[in-house]
Amino acid sequence: MLRRLWALASQRLKRPHLLVPSRTRHADTKIAVRRVAHSYEEGVEALKNVTLDIHHGEFVCLLGPSGCGKTTLLYALAGQVAPSGGHISIDGEEVKGPSPDRYLMFQEPALFPWMTVKQNLVFALKARHGKRKAEELATRYLHRVQLDGFERLLPHQLSAGMRMRVSLARALAMDPAVLLMDEPFGALDAQTRAHMHQLLQRVWMETKKTVVFVTHDVREALVLGDRVVVMAARPGRVLKDLEVRLEHPRDPDDERLVELSRHIRQMLERGAQSGANRPRDGADDGHGKGEERAPEARVPPGAAHPVGAGV
């Protein structure tokens, strides 16, 4: 009995080391976000002074409550939103609009309802590869997401989870350098979501794509992410950039994840409480200098492109 209690105590002492501040390294930076700010016309300040490096092959989860600017940041990475201040670069090139090198996957599967499963993939692929190659790629990636035998079905004949697998297959078949995912599993039931988590982990381990994944679900972020970027709301800003030191694939019922989830929830609660009393616009809060304001350098203006799959 004493031996078991000692083992449990030892595990608890080790768990803080499973969630550590992300290391600063510049050699393999894929995405560089520098002092990004964004305000909407209604005067809502969505992002303020966000700086972040995402490295080649990382799976990074942007985690935070509704209204913390995580989706705004994702759309800025996609080139769908031009930030009010700061700049974003990918592979050293400034993001000035959508690109086929960045694929944005939405909360909805965004499938053409009159096309079959395979036709949805072929349609997206044939402009780049030609019809024959597109059909080969469609077959390959439908197999990768375990949809063999469903190629001729229409979207309405599939379950919600299967439709999301079609969307994932299409995203992977497009072979973008960066895959951007906006809460793609949020509408799924718990069992289907857990299956998608396992599938996505397996596919990511095979491909090592650079993935940026938006979620408000703490456990989801810890199951999927190499890193979890915890964001606070109004204005959206980074509270903590944490590295998750657990091997993939991860089990959502892992006791270590349960405890790490509790730790991050407490962090979010503290962030919400401090945000309620936080000084605006760089004002001094009595404990030193306020947060520095975002620079005025602006991304070239222009109407955002319509949002669509495979931007």
Protein backbone atom coordinates (compact mmCIF):
# COMPACT_ATOMS: atom_id res chain seq x y z
CA MET A 1 0.00 0.00 0.00
CA LEU A 2 2.76 2.42 0.97
CA ARG A 3 4.63 1.53 -2.22
CA ARG A 4 1.55 2.36 -4.32
CA LEU A 5 1.03 5.70 -2.54
CA TRP A 6 4.69 6.57 -3.10
CA ALA A 7 4.38 5.70 -6.81
CA LEU A 8 1.32 7.94 -7.16
CA ALA A 9 3.06 10.78 -5.32
CA SER A 10 6.12 10.42 -7.55
CA GLN A 11 3.94 10.61 -10.69
CA ARG A 12 2.30 13.79 -9.43
CA LEU A 13 5.69 15.39 -8.80
CA LYS A 14 6.73 14.61 -12.38
CA ARG A 15 3.57 15.92 -14.04
CA PRO A 16 4.42 19.65 -13.93
CA HIS A 17 7.38 18.80 -16.18
CA LEU A 18 4.94 17.49 -18.81
CA LEU A 19 3.71 21.03 -19.44
CA VAL A 20 6.54 23.55 -19.74
CA PRO A 21 7.09 26.96 -21.34
CA SER A 22 7.82 26.60 -25.04
CA ARG A 23 11.50 26.88 -25.93
CA THR A 24 12.67 29.82 -28.04
CA ARG A 25 14.30 28.64 -31.26
CA HIS A 26 14.57 30.37 -34.61
CA ALA A 27 16.39 27.88 -36.85
CA ASP A 28 13.26 26.13 -38.20
CA THR A 29 10.58 28.80 -37.82
CA LYS A 30 7.79 28.17 -40.31
CA ILE A 31 5.32 30.86 -39.23
CA ALA A 32 6.37 34.12 -37.60
CA VAL A 33 3.69 36.29 -35.98
CA ARG A 34 5.07 39.64 -34.90
CA ARG A 35 3.16 42.10 -32.68
CA VAL A 36 -0.11 41.43 -34.49
CA ALA A 37 -3.13 43.55 -33.57
CA HIS A 38 -6.59 43.66 -35.07
CA SER A 39 -9.70 45.73 -34.44
CA TYR A 40 -13.03 45.41 -36.20
CA GLU A 41 -15.02 48.37 -37.52
CA GLU A 42 -17.37 48.18 -34.56
CA GLY A 43 -14.43 49.10 -32.32
CA VAL A 44 -13.93 45.59 -30.94
CA GLU A 45 -10.25 44.95 -30.26
CA ALA A 46 -9.85 41.28 -31.21
CA LEU A 47 -6.05 40.96 -30.97
CA LYS A 48 -3.34 42.97 -29.30
CA ASN A 49 0.43 42.58 -29.48
CA VAL A 50 0.44 38.87 -30.38
CA THR A 51 3.90 37.47 -31.08
CA LEU A 52 4.37 33.78 -31.83
CA ASP A 53 6.76 31.43 -33.65
CA ILE A 54 5.47 28.15 -35.07
CA HIS A 55 8.06 25.67 -36.28
CA HIS A 56 8.11 23.26 -39.19
CA GLY A 57 6.14 20.09 -38.44
CA GLU A 58 4.60 21.33 -35.19
CA PHE A 59 0.99 20.79 -34.16
CA VAL A 60 0.03 23.98 -32.33
CA CYS A 61 -3.34 24.47 -30.64
CA LEU A 62 -4.71 27.97 -30.06
CA LEU A 63 -6.81 27.58 -26.92
CA GLY A 64 -9.09 30.08 -25.28
CA PRO A 65 -12.66 31.14 -24.52
CA SER A 66 -15.05 32.50 -27.11
CA GLY A 67 -14.07 36.02 -28.10
CA CYS A 68 -10.34 35.67 -27.38
CA GLY A 69 -9.36 36.28 -31.03
CA LYS A 70 -8.09 32.78 -31.81
CA THR A 71 -10.22 32.45 -34.96
CA THR A 72 -9.27 35.98 -36.03
CA LEU A 73 -5.61 34.99 -35.70
CA LEU A 74 -6.22 31.79 -37.69
CA TYR A 75 -7.92 33.74 -40.49
CA ALA A 76 -5.02 36.19 -40.49
CA LEU A 77 -2.64 33.24 -40.97
CA ALA A 78 -4.83 32.11 -43.88
CA GLY A 79 -4.69 35.57 -45.45
CA GLN A 80 -8.44 36.04 -45.08
CA VAL A 81 -8.07 38.86 -42.55
CA ALA A 82 -5.58 41.71 -42.93
CA PRO A 83 -4.41 42.61 -39.40
CA SER A 84 -4.67 46.22 -38.28
CA GLY A 85 -1.07 46.14 -37.07
CA GLY A 86 2.02 43.98 -37.03
CA HIS A 87 2.86 41.36 -39.63
CA ILE A 88 2.78 37.62 -40.32
CA SER A 89 5.29 35.73 -42.46
CA ILE A 90 5.51 32.11 -43.58
CA ASP A 91 8.89 30.81 -44.71
CA GLY A 92 10.09 34.41 -44.63
CA GLU A 93 7.39 35.68 -47.01
CA GLU A 94 4.84 38.17 -45.67
CA VAL A 95 1.25 36.94 -45.76
CA LYS A 96 -0.72 39.32 -47.99
CA GLY A 97 -3.66 37.12 -48.96
CA PRO A 98 -4.81 33.52 -49.43
CA SER A 99 -2.44 30.95 -50.92
CA PRO A 100 -2.70 27.27 -51.90
CA ASP A 101 0.21 26.68 -49.50
CA ARG A 102 -2.22 27.34 -46.62
CA TYR A 103 -5.42 25.32 -46.38
CA LEU A 104 -8.21 26.49 -44.07
CA MET A 105 -10.49 23.73 -42.75
CA PHE A 106 -13.76 24.96 -41.25
CA GLN A 107 -16.18 23.92 -38.53
CA GLU A 108 -18.46 22.59 -41.29
CA PRO A 109 -17.24 20.07 -43.90
CA ALA A 110 -18.08 22.47 -46.79
CA LEU A 111 -18.84 19.69 -49.28
CA PHE A 112 -20.78 20.07 -52.51
CA PRO A 113 -24.05 18.22 -51.77
CA TRP A 114 -24.63 17.14 -55.38
CA MET A 115 -21.18 15.55 -55.71
CA THR A 116 -20.14 12.15 -54.42
CA VAL A 117 -17.43 11.74 -51.81
CA LYS A 118 -14.76 11.11 -54.43
CA GLN A 119 -16.03 13.84 -56.77
CA ASN A 120 -15.66 16.40 -53.98
CA LEU A 121 -11.96 15.57 -53.76
CA VAL A 122 -11.40 15.33 -57.51
CA PHE A 123 -13.04 18.72 -58.08
CA ALA A 124 -10.60 20.38 -55.65
CA LEU A 125 -7.56 18.57 -57.10
CA LYS A 126 -8.02 18.48 -60.86
CA ALA A 127 -7.12 22.13 -61.55
CA ARG A 128 -3.65 21.48 -60.14
CA HIS A 129 -3.05 17.86 -61.15
CA GLY A 130 -5.37 16.97 -64.04
CA LYS A 131 -8.29 14.56 -63.76
CA ARG A 132 -6.38 11.24 -63.81
CA LYS A 133 -3.89 12.25 -61.13
CA ALA A 134 -6.70 13.86 -59.11
CA GLU A 135 -8.63 10.58 -59.09
CA GLU A 136 -5.54 8.69 -57.93
CA LEU A 137 -4.94 11.16 -55.10
CA ALA A 138 -8.61 11.09 -54.09
CA THR A 139 -8.54 7.30 -53.79
CA ARG A 140 -5.28 7.38 -51.81
CA TYR A 141 -6.43 9.94 -49.27
CA LEU A 142 -9.89 8.49 -48.81
CA HIS A 143 -8.11 5.26 -47.89
CA ARG A 144 -5.92 7.19 -45.44
CA VAL A 145 -9.00 8.43 -43.55
CA GLN A 146 -10.64 4.97 -43.69
CA LEU A 147 -13.40 5.77 -46.20
CA ASP A 148 -12.81 2.89 -48.61
CA GLY A 149 -16.15 1.77 -50.08
CA PHE A 150 -17.88 5.14 -49.52
CA GLU A 151 -16.50 6.90 -52.61
CA ARG A 152 -19.82 6.94 -54.51
CA LEU A 153 -22.05 8.15 -51.69
CA LEU A 154 -23.41 11.69 -51.47
CA PRO A 155 -22.65 13.80 -48.39
CA HIS A 156 -26.20 13.51 -46.99
CA GLN A 157 -25.76 9.72 -46.93
CA LEU A 158 -22.83 10.00 -44.51
CA SER A 159 -22.67 10.57 -40.77
CA ALA A 160 -21.31 13.88 -39.45
CA GLY A 161 -18.00 12.23 -38.57
CA MET A 162 -17.66 10.69 -42.02
CA ARG A 163 -18.34 14.03 -43.70
CA MET A 164 -15.58 15.57 -41.59
CA ARG A 165 -13.25 12.76 -42.66
CA VAL A 166 -14.00 13.64 -46.29
CA SER A 167 -13.10 17.24 -45.50
CA LEU A 168 -9.85 16.10 -43.85
CA ALA A 169 -9.00 13.85 -46.82
CA ARG A 170 -9.49 16.78 -49.19
CA ALA A 171 -7.28 19.02 -47.05
CA LEU A 172 -4.48 16.45 -46.93
CA ALA A 173 -4.74 15.66 -50.64
CA MET A 174 -4.20 19.34 -51.46
CA ASP A 175 -0.81 18.91 -49.71
CA PRO A 176 -0.54 22.42 -48.22
CA ALA A 177 2.57 23.50 -46.36
CA VAL A 178 0.36 24.64 -43.47
CA LEU A 179 -2.99 23.17 -42.40
CA LEU A 180 -5.24 25.60 -40.50
CA MET A 181 -8.16 24.04 -38.62
CA ASP A 182 -10.99 26.10 -37.11
CA GLU A 183 -12.67 23.92 -34.44
CA PRO A 184 -13.42 21.22 -37.05
CA PHE A 185 -14.75 18.70 -34.50
CA GLY A 186 -16.79 21.09 -32.36
CA ALA A 187 -20.18 19.92 -33.66
CA LEU A 188 -19.45 16.19 -33.31
CA ASP A 189 -20.65 13.97 -30.50
CA ALA A 190 -18.09 12.93 -27.89
CA GLN A 191 -17.50 9.43 -29.26
CA THR A 192 -17.07 10.60 -32.87
CA ARG A 193 -14.82 13.45 -31.74
CA ALA A 194 -12.58 11.02 -29.87
CA HIS A 195 -12.32 8.87 -33.02
CA MET A 196 -11.38 11.95 -35.08
CA HIS A 197 -8.72 12.84 -32.54
CA GLN A 198 -7.14 9.41 -32.92
CA LEU A 199 -7.36 9.61 -36.72
CA LEU A 200 -5.86 13.09 -36.88
CA GLN A 201 -3.00 12.10 -34.57
CA ARG A 202 -2.20 9.09 -36.74
CA VAL A 203 -2.29 11.13 -39.95
CA TRP A 204 -0.16 13.90 -38.43
CA MET A 205 2.43 11.37 -37.20
CA GLU A 206 2.64 10.03 -40.77
CA THR A 207 2.80 13.38 -42.59
CA LYS A 208 4.35 15.77 -40.01
CA LYS A 209 2.36 18.67 -41.45
CA THR A 210 2.57 22.04 -39.77
CA VAL A 211 -0.86 22.36 -38.16
CA VAL A 212 -2.52 25.28 -36.36
CA PHE A 213 -5.70 24.11 -34.65
CA VAL A 214 -8.24 26.39 -32.95
CA THR A 215 -10.23 25.03 -30.01
CA HIS A 216 -11.90 26.09 -26.77
CA ASP A 217 -11.72 22.50 -25.44
CA VAL A 218 -8.80 22.10 -23.03
CA ARG A 219 -8.66 18.30 -23.27
CA GLU A 220 -8.76 18.42 -27.07
CA ALA A 221 -5.81 20.81 -27.13
CA LEU A 222 -3.78 18.54 -24.84
CA VAL A 223 -4.63 15.39 -26.79
CA LEU A 224 -3.59 16.89 -30.13
CA GLY A 225 -1.01 19.60 -29.62
CA ASP A 226 2.78 19.62 -29.41
CA ARG A 227 2.19 23.10 -28.06
CA VAL A 228 -0.81 24.78 -26.48
CA VAL A 229 -0.98 28.56 -26.86
CA VAL A 230 -3.36 29.75 -24.13
CA MET A 231 -5.14 33.00 -25.09
CA ALA A 232 -7.10 35.48 -23.00
CA ALA A 233 -9.97 37.63 -24.24
CA ARG A 234 -10.65 41.32 -24.77
CA PRO A 235 -8.27 42.01 -26.23
CA GLY A 236 -6.97 38.67 -27.49
CA ARG A 237 -3.45 38.07 -26.25
CA VAL A 238 -1.18 35.17 -25.38
CA LEU A 239 -1.26 34.18 -21.71
CA LYS A 240 1.06 31.19 -21.97
CA ASP A 241 2.84 29.28 -24.73
CA LEU A 242 3.25 25.74 -23.39
CA GLU A 243 4.99 22.64 -24.68
CA VAL A 244 3.21 19.33 -24.01
CA ARG A 245 5.82 16.66 -23.28
CA LEU A 246 3.73 13.58 -23.89
CA GLU A 247 4.31 11.12 -26.71
CA HIS A 248 1.76 10.65 -29.52
CA PRO A 249 -0.71 9.09 -29.91
CA ARG A 250 -2.40 10.26 -26.73
CA ASP A 251 -5.39 8.81 -24.93
CA PRO A 252 -7.92 11.43 -23.74
CA ASP A 253 -8.55 9.29 -20.64
CA ASP A 254 -4.87 9.36 -19.66
CA GLU A 255 -4.77 10.41 -15.99
CA ARG A 256 -1.90 12.77 -16.73
CA LEU A 257 -4.02 14.68 -19.27
CA VAL A 258 -6.84 15.00 -16.75
CA GLU A 259 -4.50 16.70 -14.30
CA LEU A 260 -2.92 18.92 -16.97
CA SER A 261 -6.42 19.95 -18.09
CA ARG A 262 -7.22 21.07 -14.56
CA HIS A 263 -4.01 23.11 -14.47
CA ILE A 264 -4.84 24.95 -17.72
CA ARG A 265 -8.44 25.61 -16.68
CA GLN A 266 -7.14 27.30 -13.55
CA MET A 267 -4.81 29.34 -15.73
CA LEU A 268 -7.73 30.44 -17.93
CA GLU A 269 -9.79 31.39 -14.87
CA ARG A 270 -6.94 33.51 -13.54
CA GLY A 271 -6.57 35.12 -16.96
CA ALA A 272 -10.28 35.96 -17.06
CA GLN A 273 -10.14 37.48 -13.57
CA SER A 274 -7.05 39.56 -14.30
CA GLY A 275 -8.52 40.63 -17.65
CA ALA A 276 -11.57 42.10 -15.92
CA ASN A 277 -9.31 44.52 -13.99
CA ARG A 278 -6.67 44.92 -16.68
CA PRO A 279 -5.68 48.47 -17.77
CA ARG A 280 -6.38 49.35 -21.40
CA ASP A 281 -4.15 50.94 -24.01
CA GLY A 282 -0.91 50.47 -22.14
CA ALA A 283 -2.00 52.40 -19.02
CA ASP A 284 0.07 51.92 -15.88
CA ASP A 285 -1.62 49.53 -13.45
CA GLY A 286 0.44 50.52 -10.44
CA HIS A 287 2.81 47.56 -10.78
CA GLY A 288 5.07 48.96 -13.45
CA LYS A 289 4.59 49.69 -17.12
CA GLY A 290 1.41 48.69 -18.88
CA GLU A 291 1.45 46.44 -21.91
CA GLU A 292 3.14 48.05 -24.87
CA ARG A 293 0.82 49.05 -27.66
CA ALA A 294 0.91 47.28 -31.01
CA PRO A 295 2.86 49.13 -33.73
CA GLU A 296 1.08 51.19 -36.35
CA ALA A 297 2.72 49.43 -39.31
CA ARG A 298 -0.17 48.03 -41.30
CA VAL A 299 -0.61 45.13 -43.68
CA PRO A 300 -1.49 46.46 -47.16
CA PRO A 301 -5.26 47.10 -47.14
CA GLY A 302 -7.74 45.33 -49.36
CA ALA A 303 -10.99 43.46 -49.16
CA ALA A 304 -10.64 40.02 -47.65
CA HIS A 305 -11.18 37.17 -50.06
CA PRO A 306 -14.38 35.14 -49.62
CA VAL A 307 -13.90 32.33 -47.17
CA GLY A 308 -13.87 28.92 -48.81
CA ALA A 309 -12.29 25.53 -48.52
CA GLY A 310 -8.77 25.28 -49.84
CA VAL A 311 -7.99 28.96 -49.93
